[in-house]
Amino acid sequence: MLRELGHDPALFPSPRTGPVSEDEFRTMSENLVALTQEPTIALRLGSSMHLGTHGLLGHAILSSRSLRQAAGLMIQYSPLHGTQGCIQLAFTRDKAVLTFAPPFEVDGAPNFMVELFFAGVLAALRQLIGPLPEECRVELAYPPQVAEEVYGRYFGVRASFGHRVNRFIGPNERIDQPLSAAGIPVADMYRRECERLLRDMNAANGLGGEVRRMILGARGRFPGMDEAARRLNMSERTLRRRLDAERSSYRAIVDDVRSYLAREYLRDTPLTVADVASLLGFDDVANFRRAFRKWNGCSPQEFRIRIEGQNGTVDQSADHPGRYQQTRTQSHMPPHHKTFV
């Protein structure tokens, strides 16, 4: 966005690696406003986001079976809650109403958080269901800072001003209709996994933790080290050096994430080994078996039998393709199915 507005991103003060606190996010926002002097900056940022931008939260939402489930995840895990903010979803007989009270004001742009939130939510909503119904609208509790049609362009719906609260209003007729993930056999399992990781991965810190979150939030595949360095705004050499200082490596982190997900899939789902290999980006199941043995000291089949034995449910046919034909996801997945990895 800085480049698009004609600014050098190198001039923007970068935060420390690891999770960004509320105070740090406020400082980043204020720095961004001061540097760009652009009144539409929050609208631009929010509307440019796709669900993959939001990492695990975005993937969990993409795995939701309905808008109600997706909204519940967004409300529970949105980082824009802050300590004082509030996100609420309510229903009338025929309307859904999403209300947002920001956790803080940004100096120089007091409505920054509101505009970032609604522009991002509406971009995500269009990604989930396509064009929004004409009756959708955003009501804002302040006067317009730019021409009213500018808000409509970034929100994609009508905006009006001077209301009591900030809220989005739309018809609720689609709130429980199935989303595209409803037809994907592993969607529920992946959504639960994302929720677990959203809770667990927050404990990771340092550059290694940031790399893990970036890998888990990557869309479609595990990025190579050169691509990861670009996403983290550093050179590949710097990334390698800083991970070395943490006694880690990019390959080790990728393998750790893959190994963890593989064990969870094998432990908690009836997916075949071929399915798990595909979900983790392996084109050849034999390569996945070799990698799993290297990571865990046993084959995927042996791991699953051991777990089933611990649970008292040993089933030697657990990996037989005929036994779990309904879990063969490759023929049922849409082209973006590796988003769910």
C-alpha atoms as a PDB file:
ATOM      1  CA  MET A   1       0.000   0.000   0.000  1.00  0.00           C
ATOM      2  CA  LEU A   2       2.865   2.371   0.751  1.00  0.00           C
ATOM      3  CA  ARG A   3       4.371   1.715  -2.670  1.00  0.00           C
ATOM      4  CA  GLU A   4       0.983   2.291  -4.298  1.00  0.00           C
ATOM      5  CA  LEU A   5       0.777   5.689  -2.599  1.00  0.00           C
ATOM      6  CA  GLY A   6       4.320   6.607  -3.721  1.00  0.00           C
ATOM      7  CA  HIS A   7       6.135   6.037  -0.422  1.00  0.00           C
ATOM      8  CA  ASP A   8       9.245   4.014   0.358  1.00  0.00           C
ATOM      9  CA  PRO A   9       8.276   1.082   2.650  1.00  0.00           C
ATOM     10  CA  ALA A  10      11.788   1.195   4.127  1.00  0.00           C
ATOM     11  CA  LEU A  11      10.814   4.468   5.831  1.00  0.00           C
ATOM     12  CA  PHE A  12       8.013   2.789   7.748  1.00  0.00           C
ATOM     13  CA  PRO A  13       9.070   1.765  11.274  1.00  0.00           C
ATOM     14  CA  SER A  14       8.725  -2.008  11.482  1.00  0.00           C
ATOM     15  CA  PRO A  15       7.489  -3.679  14.660  1.00  0.00           C
ATOM     16  CA  ARG A  16       9.492  -6.283  16.513  1.00  0.00           C
ATOM     17  CA  THR A  17       8.986  -9.866  15.418  1.00  0.00           C
ATOM     18  CA  GLY A  18       6.395 -11.969  17.183  1.00  0.00           C
ATOM     19  CA  PRO A  19       2.851 -11.116  18.236  1.00  0.00           C
ATOM     20  CA  VAL A  20       1.966  -7.417  18.002  1.00  0.00           C
ATOM     21  CA  SER A  21       0.405  -5.939  21.114  1.00  0.00           C
ATOM     22  CA  GLU A  22      -2.513  -3.511  21.097  1.00  0.00           C
ATOM     23  CA  ASP A  23      -0.208  -0.601  21.926  1.00  0.00           C
ATOM     24  CA  GLU A  24       2.199  -1.598  19.163  1.00  0.00           C
ATOM     25  CA  PHE A  25      -0.646  -1.858  16.660  1.00  0.00           C
ATOM     26  CA  ARG A  26      -1.863   1.602  17.620  1.00  0.00           C
ATOM     27  CA  THR A  27       1.655   2.981  17.162  1.00  0.00           C
ATOM     28  CA  MET A  28       1.970   1.270  13.777  1.00  0.00           C
ATOM     29  CA  SER A  29      -1.381   2.737  12.688  1.00  0.00           C
ATOM     30  CA  GLU A  30      -0.413   6.232  13.835  1.00  0.00           C
ATOM     31  CA  ASN A  31       2.929   5.971  12.029  1.00  0.00           C
ATOM     32  CA  LEU A  32       1.129   4.880   8.871  1.00  0.00           C
ATOM     33  CA  VAL A  33      -1.339   7.771   9.038  1.00  0.00           C
ATOM     34  CA  ALA A  34       1.440  10.292   9.711  1.00  0.00           C
ATOM     35  CA  LEU A  35       3.632   8.964   6.887  1.00  0.00           C
ATOM     36  CA  THR A  36       0.972   8.788   4.181  1.00  0.00           C
ATOM     37  CA  GLN A  37      -1.300  11.719   5.106  1.00  0.00           C
ATOM     38  CA  GLU A  38      -3.914   9.764   3.146  1.00  0.00           C
ATOM     39  CA  PRO A  39      -7.495  10.013   4.500  1.00  0.00           C
ATOM     40  CA  THR A  40      -8.555   6.782   2.761  1.00  0.00           C
ATOM     41  CA  ILE A  41      -5.656   4.659   4.055  1.00  0.00           C
ATOM     42  CA  ALA A  42      -7.789   2.458   6.369  1.00  0.00           C
ATOM     43  CA  LEU A  43     -10.422   1.946   3.643  1.00  0.00           C
ATOM     44  CA  ARG A  44      -7.691   0.988   1.183  1.00  0.00           C
ATOM     45  CA  LEU A  45      -6.077  -1.465   3.587  1.00  0.00           C
ATOM     46  CA  GLY A  46      -9.284  -3.171   4.637  1.00  0.00           C
ATOM     47  CA  SER A  47     -10.718  -3.534   1.142  1.00  0.00           C
ATOM     48  CA  SER A  48      -7.441  -4.986  -0.189  1.00  0.00           C
ATOM     49  CA  MET A  49      -7.463  -7.866   2.301  1.00  0.00           C
ATOM     50  CA  HIS A  50      -8.539 -11.375   1.351  1.00  0.00           C
ATOM     51  CA  LEU A  51      -9.260 -14.048   3.936  1.00  0.00           C
ATOM     52  CA  GLY A  52      -5.805 -15.559   3.474  1.00  0.00           C
ATOM     53  CA  THR A  53      -4.382 -12.249   4.715  1.00  0.00           C
ATOM     54  CA  HIS A  54      -5.734 -13.096   8.165  1.00  0.00           C
ATOM     55  CA  GLY A  55      -3.726 -16.311   8.478  1.00  0.00           C
ATOM     56  CA  LEU A  56      -5.266 -19.037  10.606  1.00  0.00           C
ATOM     57  CA  LEU A  57      -8.363 -16.985  11.351  1.00  0.00           C
ATOM     58  CA  GLY A  58      -8.973 -16.547   7.633  1.00  0.00           C
ATOM     59  CA  HIS A  59      -8.483 -20.257   6.990  1.00  0.00           C
ATOM     60  CA  ALA A  60     -10.874 -21.156   9.784  1.00  0.00           C
ATOM     61  CA  ILE A  61     -13.476 -18.811   8.299  1.00  0.00           C
ATOM     62  CA  LEU A  62     -12.916 -20.294   4.833  1.00  0.00           C
ATOM     63  CA  SER A  63     -13.643 -23.703   6.380  1.00  0.00           C
ATOM     64  CA  SER A  64     -16.943 -22.571   7.895  1.00  0.00           C
ATOM     65  CA  ARG A  65     -20.143 -24.220   6.744  1.00  0.00           C
ATOM     66  CA  SER A  66     -22.344 -21.132   7.120  1.00  0.00           C
ATOM     67  CA  LEU A  67     -22.099 -17.380   7.588  1.00  0.00           C
ATOM     68  CA  ARG A  68     -23.314 -17.812  11.162  1.00  0.00           C
ATOM     69  CA  GLN A  69     -20.356 -20.092  11.923  1.00  0.00           C
ATOM     70  CA  ALA A  70     -17.928 -17.761  10.126  1.00  0.00           C
ATOM     71  CA  ALA A  71     -19.266 -14.751  12.035  1.00  0.00           C
ATOM     72  CA  GLY A  72     -18.872 -16.594  15.323  1.00  0.00           C
ATOM     73  CA  LEU A  73     -15.200 -17.263  14.592  1.00  0.00           C
ATOM     74  CA  MET A  74     -14.609 -13.660  13.556  1.00  0.00           C
ATOM     75  CA  ILE A  75     -16.216 -12.309  16.707  1.00  0.00           C
ATOM     76  CA  GLN A  76     -14.364 -14.734  18.994  1.00  0.00           C
ATOM     77  CA  TYR A  77     -10.879 -14.427  17.487  1.00  0.00           C
ATOM     78  CA  SER A  78     -10.752 -11.006  15.815  1.00  0.00           C
ATOM     79  CA  PRO A  79      -7.635  -9.137  16.979  1.00  0.00           C
ATOM     80  CA  LEU A  80      -9.555  -5.864  16.618  1.00  0.00           C
ATOM     81  CA  HIS A  81     -11.482  -6.523  19.816  1.00  0.00           C
ATOM     82  CA  GLY A  82      -8.666  -5.079  21.888  1.00  0.00           C
ATOM     83  CA  THR A  83      -9.213  -4.517  25.589  1.00  0.00           C
ATOM     84  CA  GLN A  84     -11.991  -1.943  25.161  1.00  0.00           C
ATOM     85  CA  GLY A  85     -13.482  -2.764  21.759  1.00  0.00           C
ATOM     86  CA  CYS A  86     -16.656  -4.693  21.086  1.00  0.00           C
ATOM     87  CA  ILE A  87     -17.977  -6.713  18.143  1.00  0.00           C
ATOM     88  CA  GLN A  88     -21.603  -7.817  18.307  1.00  0.00           C
ATOM     89  CA  LEU A  89     -23.865  -9.683  15.891  1.00  0.00           C
ATOM     90  CA  ALA A  90     -27.638  -9.458  16.398  1.00  0.00           C
ATOM     91  CA  PHE A  91     -30.680 -10.528  14.411  1.00  0.00           C
ATOM     92  CA  THR A  92     -34.100  -9.046  13.828  1.00  0.00           C
ATOM     93  CA  ARG A  93     -36.878 -10.836  11.989  1.00  0.00           C
ATOM     94  CA  ASP A  94     -35.258 -10.240   8.610  1.00  0.00           C
ATOM     95  CA  LYS A  95     -31.959  -8.435   9.242  1.00  0.00           C
ATOM     96  CA  ALA A  96     -28.475  -9.268  10.509  1.00  0.00           C
ATOM     97  CA  VAL A  97     -26.733  -6.382  12.302  1.00  0.00           C
ATOM     98  CA  LEU A  98     -22.974  -6.344  12.944  1.00  0.00           C
ATOM     99  CA  THR A  99     -21.940  -3.583  15.366  1.00  0.00           C
ATOM    100  CA  PHE A 100     -18.356  -2.489  16.032  1.00  0.00           C
ATOM    101  CA  ALA A 101     -16.981  -0.247  18.776  1.00  0.00           C
ATOM    102  CA  PRO A 102     -13.214   0.297  18.255  1.00  0.00           C
ATOM    103  CA  PRO A 103     -10.781  -0.472  21.098  1.00  0.00           C
ATOM    104  CA  PHE A 104      -8.976   2.869  20.653  1.00  0.00           C
ATOM    105  CA  GLU A 105      -8.697   5.931  18.426  1.00  0.00           C
ATOM    106  CA  VAL A 106      -5.718   6.496  16.165  1.00  0.00           C
ATOM    107  CA  ASP A 107      -4.167   9.954  16.480  1.00  0.00           C
ATOM    108  CA  GLY A 108      -4.657  11.838  13.223  1.00  0.00           C
ATOM    109  CA  ALA A 109      -7.396   9.449  12.033  1.00  0.00           C
ATOM    110  CA  PRO A 110      -9.957   8.818  14.805  1.00  0.00           C
ATOM    111  CA  ASN A 111     -12.083   6.575  12.560  1.00  0.00           C
ATOM    112  CA  PHE A 112      -9.172   4.466  11.305  1.00  0.00           C
ATOM    113  CA  MET A 113     -10.167   1.305  13.189  1.00  0.00           C
ATOM    114  CA  VAL A 114     -13.840   1.500  12.191  1.00  0.00           C
ATOM    115  CA  GLU A 115     -13.035   1.899   8.506  1.00  0.00           C
ATOM    116  CA  LEU A 116     -10.378  -0.820   8.587  1.00  0.00           C
ATOM    117  CA  PHE A 117     -12.811  -3.209  10.277  1.00  0.00           C
ATOM    118  CA  PHE A 118     -15.820  -2.741   8.009  1.00  0.00           C
ATOM    119  CA  ALA A 119     -13.787  -2.597   4.789  1.00  0.00           C
ATOM    120  CA  GLY A 120     -12.079  -5.855   5.802  1.00  0.00           C
ATOM    121  CA  VAL A 121     -15.310  -7.571   6.868  1.00  0.00           C
ATOM    122  CA  LEU A 122     -17.077  -6.663   3.625  1.00  0.00           C
ATOM    123  CA  ALA A 123     -14.115  -7.832   1.531  1.00  0.00           C
ATOM    124  CA  ALA A 124     -14.216 -11.170   3.400  1.00  0.00           C
ATOM    125  CA  LEU A 125     -17.990 -11.411   2.991  1.00  0.00           C
ATOM    126  CA  ARG A 126     -17.728 -10.951  -0.776  1.00  0.00           C
ATOM    127  CA  GLN A 127     -15.081 -13.670  -0.883  1.00  0.00           C
ATOM    128  CA  LEU A 128     -17.433 -16.051   0.937  1.00  0.00           C
ATOM    129  CA  ILE A 129     -20.702 -15.400  -0.934  1.00  0.00           C
ATOM    130  CA  GLY A 130     -19.905 -13.221  -3.956  1.00  0.00           C
ATOM    131  CA  PRO A 131     -21.688  -9.928  -4.730  1.00  0.00           C
ATOM    132  CA  LEU A 132     -23.600  -8.571  -1.753  1.00  0.00           C
ATOM    133  CA  PRO A 133     -27.368  -7.968  -1.827  1.00  0.00           C
ATOM    134  CA  GLU A 134     -28.350  -4.435  -2.816  1.00  0.00           C
ATOM    135  CA  GLU A 135     -30.058  -3.772   0.525  1.00  0.00           C
ATOM    136  CA  CYS A 136     -26.762  -4.137   2.454  1.00  0.00           C
ATOM    137  CA  ARG A 137     -25.512  -0.896   4.005  1.00  0.00           C
ATOM    138  CA  VAL A 138     -22.993   0.530   6.487  1.00  0.00           C
ATOM    139  CA  GLU A 139     -24.071   3.101   9.067  1.00  0.00           C
ATOM    140  CA  LEU A 140     -21.288   5.191  10.637  1.00  0.00           C
ATOM    141  CA  ALA A 141     -21.406   7.318  13.792  1.00  0.00           C
ATOM    142  CA  TYR A 142     -19.421  10.261  12.405  1.00  0.00           C
ATOM    143  CA  PRO A 143     -19.533  12.683   9.450  1.00  0.00           C
ATOM    144  CA  PRO A 144     -17.764  11.691   6.222  1.00  0.00           C
ATOM    145  CA  GLN A 145     -14.081  12.621   5.977  1.00  0.00           C
ATOM    146  CA  VAL A 146     -14.021  12.248   2.155  1.00  0.00           C
ATOM    147  CA  ALA A 147     -16.758  12.236  -0.480  1.00  0.00           C
ATOM    148  CA  GLU A 148     -19.537   9.785   0.420  1.00  0.00           C
ATOM    149  CA  GLU A 149     -19.174   7.901  -2.876  1.00  0.00           C
ATOM    150  CA  VAL A 150     -15.563   7.082  -1.897  1.00  0.00           C
ATOM    151  CA  TYR A 151     -16.840   5.087   1.086  1.00  0.00           C
ATOM    152  CA  GLY A 152     -19.255   3.250  -1.196  1.00  0.00           C
ATOM    153  CA  ARG A 153     -16.425   2.400  -3.582  1.00  0.00           C
ATOM    154  CA  TYR A 154     -14.266   0.814  -0.890  1.00  0.00           C
ATOM    155  CA  PHE A 155     -17.072  -0.790   1.125  1.00  0.00           C
ATOM    156  CA  GLY A 156     -18.893  -2.044  -1.953  1.00  0.00           C
ATOM    157  CA  VAL A 157     -22.226  -1.095  -0.304  1.00  0.00           C
ATOM    158  CA  ARG A 158     -24.044   2.141   0.528  1.00  0.00           C
ATOM    159  CA  ALA A 159     -22.721   4.165   3.481  1.00  0.00           C
ATOM    160  CA  SER A 160     -24.564   6.768   5.546  1.00  0.00           C
ATOM    161  CA  PHE A 161     -23.348   8.952   8.399  1.00  0.00           C
ATOM    162  CA  GLY A 162     -24.271  10.570  11.708  1.00  0.00           C
ATOM    163  CA  HIS A 163     -25.787   7.456  13.266  1.00  0.00           C
ATOM    164  CA  ARG A 164     -25.727   6.435  16.916  1.00  0.00           C
ATOM    165  CA  VAL A 165     -23.364   3.469  16.412  1.00  0.00           C
ATOM    166  CA  ASN A 166     -21.144   1.972  13.724  1.00  0.00           C
ATOM    167  CA  ARG A 167     -22.820  -1.031  12.138  1.00  0.00           C
ATOM    168  CA  PHE A 168     -23.315  -3.107   9.007  1.00  0.00           C
ATOM    169  CA  ILE A 169     -26.870  -4.187   8.166  1.00  0.00           C
ATOM    170  CA  GLY A 170     -27.845  -6.882   5.696  1.00  0.00           C
ATOM    171  CA  PRO A 171     -30.561  -9.460   5.106  1.00  0.00           C
ATOM    172  CA  ASN A 172     -30.298 -12.565   7.293  1.00  0.00           C
ATOM    173  CA  GLU A 173     -31.820 -14.939   4.752  1.00  0.00           C
ATOM    174  CA  ARG A 174     -28.399 -16.402   3.872  1.00  0.00           C
ATOM    175  CA  ILE A 175     -26.977 -16.616   7.383  1.00  0.00           C
ATOM    176  CA  ASP A 176     -27.533 -20.387   7.640  1.00  0.00           C
ATOM    177  CA  GLN A 177     -27.250 -21.328   3.978  1.00  0.00           C
ATOM    178  CA  PRO A 178     -24.315 -23.653   3.203  1.00  0.00           C
ATOM    179  CA  LEU A 179     -21.066 -22.053   2.075  1.00  0.00           C
ATOM    180  CA  SER A 180     -18.721 -23.751  -0.385  1.00  0.00           C
ATOM    181  CA  ALA A 181     -16.855 -25.484   2.464  1.00  0.00           C
ATOM    182  CA  ALA A 182     -20.055 -27.348   3.398  1.00  0.00           C
ATOM    183  CA  GLY A 183     -19.359 -29.796   0.575  1.00  0.00           C
ATOM    184  CA  ILE A 184     -15.745 -30.476   1.572  1.00  0.00           C
ATOM    185  CA  PRO A 185     -15.414 -33.604   3.742  1.00  0.00           C
ATOM    186  CA  VAL A 186     -12.508 -32.305   5.849  1.00  0.00           C
ATOM    187  CA  ALA A 187     -13.738 -28.721   6.362  1.00  0.00           C
ATOM    188  CA  ASP A 188     -15.052 -29.222   9.901  1.00  0.00           C
ATOM    189  CA  MET A 189     -11.895 -31.004  10.944  1.00  0.00           C
ATOM    190  CA  TYR A 190      -9.702 -28.290   9.465  1.00  0.00           C
ATOM    191  CA  ARG A 191     -11.745 -25.525  11.082  1.00  0.00           C
ATOM    192  CA  ARG A 192     -11.317 -27.182  14.485  1.00  0.00           C
ATOM    193  CA  GLU A 193      -7.594 -27.527  13.833  1.00  0.00           C
ATOM    194  CA  CYS A 194      -7.348 -23.840  12.967  1.00  0.00           C
ATOM    195  CA  GLU A 195      -9.171 -22.901  16.146  1.00  0.00           C
ATOM    196  CA  ARG A 196      -6.802 -25.039  18.203  1.00  0.00           C
ATOM    197  CA  LEU A 197      -3.772 -23.503  16.513  1.00  0.00           C
ATOM    198  CA  LEU A 198      -5.167 -19.995  16.951  1.00  0.00           C
ATOM    199  CA  ARG A 199      -5.117 -20.696  20.672  1.00  0.00           C
ATOM    200  CA  ASP A 200      -1.831 -22.582  20.805  1.00  0.00           C
ATOM    201  CA  MET A 201       0.336 -20.698  18.321  1.00  0.00           C
ATOM    202  CA  ASN A 202      -0.063 -17.387  20.143  1.00  0.00           C
ATOM    203  CA  ALA A 203       2.463 -18.759  22.633  1.00  0.00           C
ATOM    204  CA  ALA A 204       5.191 -18.862  19.966  1.00  0.00           C
ATOM    205  CA  ASN A 205       7.475 -15.838  19.863  1.00  0.00           C
ATOM    206  CA  GLY A 206      10.592 -14.584  18.127  1.00  0.00           C
ATOM    207  CA  LEU A 207      11.143 -14.738  14.372  1.00  0.00           C
ATOM    208  CA  GLY A 208      10.549 -18.512  14.438  1.00  0.00           C
ATOM    209  CA  GLY A 209       7.025 -17.944  15.763  1.00  0.00           C
ATOM    210  CA  GLU A 210       6.383 -15.320  13.101  1.00  0.00           C
ATOM    211  CA  VAL A 211       7.607 -17.702  10.393  1.00  0.00           C
ATOM    212  CA  ARG A 212       5.317 -20.452  11.703  1.00  0.00           C
ATOM    213  CA  ARG A 213       2.302 -18.145  11.575  1.00  0.00           C
ATOM    214  CA  MET A 214       3.253 -16.998   8.085  1.00  0.00           C
ATOM    215  CA  ILE A 215       3.569 -20.621   6.885  1.00  0.00           C
ATOM    216  CA  LEU A 216       0.243 -21.597   8.399  1.00  0.00           C
ATOM    217  CA  GLY A 217      -1.382 -18.524   6.887  1.00  0.00           C
ATOM    218  CA  ALA A 218       0.068 -19.042   3.391  1.00  0.00           C
ATOM    219  CA  ARG A 219      -2.571 -19.647   0.755  1.00  0.00           C
ATOM    220  CA  GLY A 220      -2.378 -22.743  -1.409  1.00  0.00           C
ATOM    221  CA  ARG A 221       1.062 -24.122  -0.560  1.00  0.00           C
ATOM    222  CA  PHE A 222       4.026 -23.904   1.787  1.00  0.00           C
ATOM    223  CA  PRO A 223       6.179 -21.019   0.477  1.00  0.00           C
ATOM    224  CA  GLY A 224       9.871 -21.460  -0.224  1.00  0.00           C
ATOM    225  CA  MET A 225      12.444 -19.622   1.826  1.00  0.00           C
ATOM    226  CA  ASP A 226      12.941 -16.892  -0.795  1.00  0.00           C
ATOM    227  CA  GLU A 227       9.208 -16.203  -0.904  1.00  0.00           C
ATOM    228  CA  ALA A 228       8.980 -16.293   2.895  1.00  0.00           C
ATOM    229  CA  ALA A 229      11.786 -13.726   3.174  1.00  0.00           C
ATOM    230  CA  ARG A 230       9.965 -11.407   0.753  1.00  0.00           C
ATOM    231  CA  ARG A 231       6.737 -11.710   2.761  1.00  0.00           C
ATOM    232  CA  LEU A 232       8.672 -10.854   5.921  1.00  0.00           C
ATOM    233  CA  ASN A 233      10.323  -7.851   4.211  1.00  0.00           C
ATOM    234  CA  MET A 234      13.871  -9.087   4.579  1.00  0.00           C
ATOM    235  CA  SER A 235      16.502 -10.748   2.458  1.00  0.00           C
ATOM    236  CA  GLU A 236      16.848 -14.517   2.378  1.00  0.00           C
ATOM    237  CA  ARG A 237      20.300 -14.130   3.903  1.00  0.00           C
ATOM    238  CA  THR A 238      18.925 -12.063   6.815  1.00  0.00           C
ATOM    239  CA  LEU A 239      16.148 -14.586   7.416  1.00  0.00           C
ATOM    240  CA  ARG A 240      18.655 -17.447   7.520  1.00  0.00           C
ATOM    241  CA  ARG A 241      20.992 -15.533   9.852  1.00  0.00           C
ATOM    242  CA  ARG A 242      18.255 -14.557  12.295  1.00  0.00           C
ATOM    243  CA  LEU A 243      16.835 -18.063  12.417  1.00  0.00           C
ATOM    244  CA  ASP A 244      20.357 -19.402  12.976  1.00  0.00           C
ATOM    245  CA  ALA A 245      20.595 -17.053  15.965  1.00  0.00           C
ATOM    246  CA  GLU A 246      17.450 -18.726  17.359  1.00  0.00           C
ATOM    247  CA  ARG A 247      19.044 -22.141  16.683  1.00  0.00           C
ATOM    248  CA  SER A 248      16.459 -22.904  14.048  1.00  0.00           C
ATOM    249  CA  SER A 249      16.123 -23.003  10.250  1.00  0.00           C
ATOM    250  CA  TYR A 250      13.396 -22.423   7.731  1.00  0.00           C
ATOM    251  CA  ARG A 251      13.365 -26.062   6.643  1.00  0.00           C
ATOM    252  CA  ALA A 252      13.122 -27.216  10.256  1.00  0.00           C
ATOM    253  CA  ILE A 253      10.117 -24.949  10.867  1.00  0.00           C
ATOM    254  CA  VAL A 254       8.329 -26.144   7.709  1.00  0.00           C
ATOM    255  CA  ASP A 255       9.008 -29.761   8.666  1.00  0.00           C
ATOM    256  CA  ASP A 256       7.796 -29.092  12.221  1.00  0.00           C
ATOM    257  CA  VAL A 257       4.510 -27.611  10.967  1.00  0.00           C
ATOM    258  CA  ARG A 258       3.993 -30.450   8.486  1.00  0.00           C
ATOM    259  CA  SER A 259       4.836 -33.099  11.068  1.00  0.00           C
ATOM    260  CA  TYR A 260       2.467 -31.585  13.610  1.00  0.00           C
ATOM    261  CA  LEU A 261      -0.413 -31.369  11.144  1.00  0.00           C
ATOM    262  CA  ALA A 262       0.265 -34.887   9.863  1.00  0.00           C
ATOM    263  CA  ARG A 263       0.057 -36.362  13.368  1.00  0.00           C
ATOM    264  CA  GLU A 264      -3.170 -34.454  14.061  1.00  0.00           C
ATOM    265  CA  TYR A 265      -4.768 -35.645  10.817  1.00  0.00           C
ATOM    266  CA  LEU A 266      -3.746 -39.252  11.451  1.00  0.00           C
ATOM    267  CA  ARG A 267      -4.838 -39.137  15.081  1.00  0.00           C
ATOM    268  CA  ASP A 268      -8.149 -37.329  14.770  1.00  0.00           C
ATOM    269  CA  THR A 269      -9.540 -38.135  11.314  1.00  0.00           C
ATOM    270  CA  PRO A 270     -10.236 -41.206   9.163  1.00  0.00           C
ATOM    271  CA  LEU A 271      -8.330 -39.655   6.225  1.00  0.00           C
ATOM    272  CA  THR A 272      -6.144 -42.080   4.302  1.00  0.00           C
ATOM    273  CA  VAL A 273      -2.392 -41.557   4.233  1.00  0.00           C
ATOM    274  CA  ALA A 274      -2.746 -40.431   0.601  1.00  0.00           C
ATOM    275  CA  ASP A 275      -5.282 -37.802   1.671  1.00  0.00           C
ATOM    276  CA  VAL A 276      -2.975 -36.498   4.395  1.00  0.00           C
ATOM    277  CA  ALA A 277      -0.055 -36.379   1.955  1.00  0.00           C
ATOM    278  CA  SER A 278      -2.152 -34.330  -0.477  1.00  0.00           C
ATOM    279  CA  LEU A 279      -3.354 -31.914   2.217  1.00  0.00           C
ATOM    280  CA  LEU A 280       0.255 -31.285   3.261  1.00  0.00           C
ATOM    281  CA  GLY A 281       1.355 -30.515  -0.299  1.00  0.00           C
ATOM    282  CA  PHE A 282       3.103 -33.805  -1.153  1.00  0.00           C
ATOM    283  CA  ASP A 283       2.555 -34.833  -4.776  1.00  0.00           C
ATOM    284  CA  ASP A 284       3.894 -38.340  -4.074  1.00  0.00           C
ATOM    285  CA  VAL A 285       2.600 -40.340  -1.116  1.00  0.00           C
ATOM    286  CA  ALA A 286       5.884 -42.283  -0.989  1.00  0.00           C
ATOM    287  CA  ASN A 287       7.767 -39.020  -0.338  1.00  0.00           C
ATOM    288  CA  PHE A 288       5.323 -38.222   2.467  1.00  0.00           C
ATOM    289  CA  ARG A 289       5.858 -41.655   4.055  1.00  0.00           C
ATOM    290  CA  ARG A 290       9.635 -41.163   3.981  1.00  0.00           C
ATOM    291  CA  ALA A 291       9.355 -37.669   5.450  1.00  0.00           C
ATOM    292  CA  PHE A 292       6.966 -38.830   8.204  1.00  0.00           C
ATOM    293  CA  ARG A 293       9.330 -41.646   9.201  1.00  0.00           C
ATOM    294  CA  LYS A 294      12.213 -39.162   9.348  1.00  0.00           C
ATOM    295  CA  TRP A 295      10.165 -36.786  11.559  1.00  0.00           C
ATOM    296  CA  ASN A 296       8.586 -39.358  13.864  1.00  0.00           C
ATOM    297  CA  GLY A 297      10.626 -42.556  13.672  1.00  0.00           C
ATOM    298  CA  CYS A 298       7.759 -44.650  12.281  1.00  0.00           C
ATOM    299  CA  SER A 299       5.541 -44.849   9.227  1.00  0.00           C
ATOM    300  CA  PRO A 300       2.139 -43.107   9.101  1.00  0.00           C
ATOM    301  CA  GLN A 301       0.412 -46.497   9.269  1.00  0.00           C
ATOM    302  CA  GLU A 302       2.458 -47.531  12.296  1.00  0.00           C
ATOM    303  CA  PHE A 303       1.688 -44.215  14.009  1.00  0.00           C
ATOM    304  CA  ARG A 304      -2.040 -44.657  13.424  1.00  0.00           C
ATOM    305  CA  ILE A 305      -2.027 -48.270  14.627  1.00  0.00           C
ATOM    306  CA  ARG A 306      -0.114 -47.231  17.748  1.00  0.00           C
ATOM    307  CA  ILE A 307      -2.654 -44.473  18.505  1.00  0.00           C
ATOM    308  CA  GLU A 308      -5.575 -46.814  17.897  1.00  0.00           C
ATOM    309  CA  GLY A 309      -3.938 -49.381  20.141  1.00  0.00           C
ATOM    310  CA  GLN A 310      -3.648 -46.800  22.919  1.00  0.00           C
ATOM    311  CA  ASN A 311      -7.351 -46.092  22.469  1.00  0.00           C
ATOM    312  CA  GLY A 312      -8.222 -49.779  22.371  1.00  0.00           C
ATOM    313  CA  THR A 313      -9.528 -49.595  18.824  1.00  0.00           C
ATOM    314  CA  VAL A 314      -6.868 -51.259  16.667  1.00  0.00           C
ATOM    315  CA  ASP A 315      -8.095 -51.565  13.091  1.00  0.00           C
ATOM    316  CA  GLN A 316      -5.612 -52.966  10.608  1.00  0.00           C
ATOM    317  CA  SER A 317      -7.749 -51.734   7.721  1.00  0.00           C
ATOM    318  CA  ALA A 318      -7.576 -48.105   8.791  1.00  0.00           C
ATOM    319  CA  ASP A 319      -5.560 -47.130   5.731  1.00  0.00           C
ATOM    320  CA  HIS A 320      -7.315 -49.361   3.232  1.00  0.00           C
ATOM    321  CA  PRO A 321      -8.608 -47.146   0.398  1.00  0.00           C
ATOM    322  CA  GLY A 322     -11.835 -49.100   0.035  1.00  0.00           C
ATOM    323  CA  ARG A 323     -12.645 -48.775   3.739  1.00  0.00           C
ATOM    324  CA  TYR A 324     -12.570 -44.985   3.677  1.00  0.00           C
ATOM    325  CA  GLN A 325     -13.442 -44.254   0.084  1.00  0.00           C
ATOM    326  CA  GLN A 326     -15.756 -41.458   1.216  1.00  0.00           C
ATOM    327  CA  THR A 327     -12.783 -39.585   2.688  1.00  0.00           C
ATOM    328  CA  ARG A 328     -10.882 -39.454  -0.587  1.00  0.00           C
ATOM    329  CA  THR A 329     -11.055 -35.703  -0.870  1.00  0.00           C
ATOM    330  CA  GLN A 330      -9.117 -35.044  -4.055  1.00  0.00           C
ATOM    331  CA  SER A 331     -12.068 -35.677  -6.351  1.00  0.00           C
ATOM    332  CA  HIS A 332     -14.386 -33.525  -4.234  1.00  0.00           C
ATOM    333  CA  MET A 333     -12.161 -30.543  -3.494  1.00  0.00           C
ATOM    334  CA  PRO A 334     -12.518 -27.300  -5.469  1.00  0.00           C
ATOM    335  CA  PRO A 335      -9.333 -26.119  -7.232  1.00  0.00           C
ATOM    336  CA  HIS A 336      -8.248 -24.084  -4.164  1.00  0.00           C
ATOM    337  CA  HIS A 337      -8.467 -27.039  -1.801  1.00  0.00           C
ATOM    338  CA  LYS A 338      -4.871 -26.734  -0.650  1.00  0.00           C
ATOM    339  CA  THR A 339      -5.915 -23.471   0.957  1.00  0.00           C
ATOM    340  CA  PHE A 340      -7.042 -25.782   3.761  1.00  0.00           C
ATOM    341  CA  VAL A 341      -3.484 -26.777   4.704  1.00  0.00           C
END
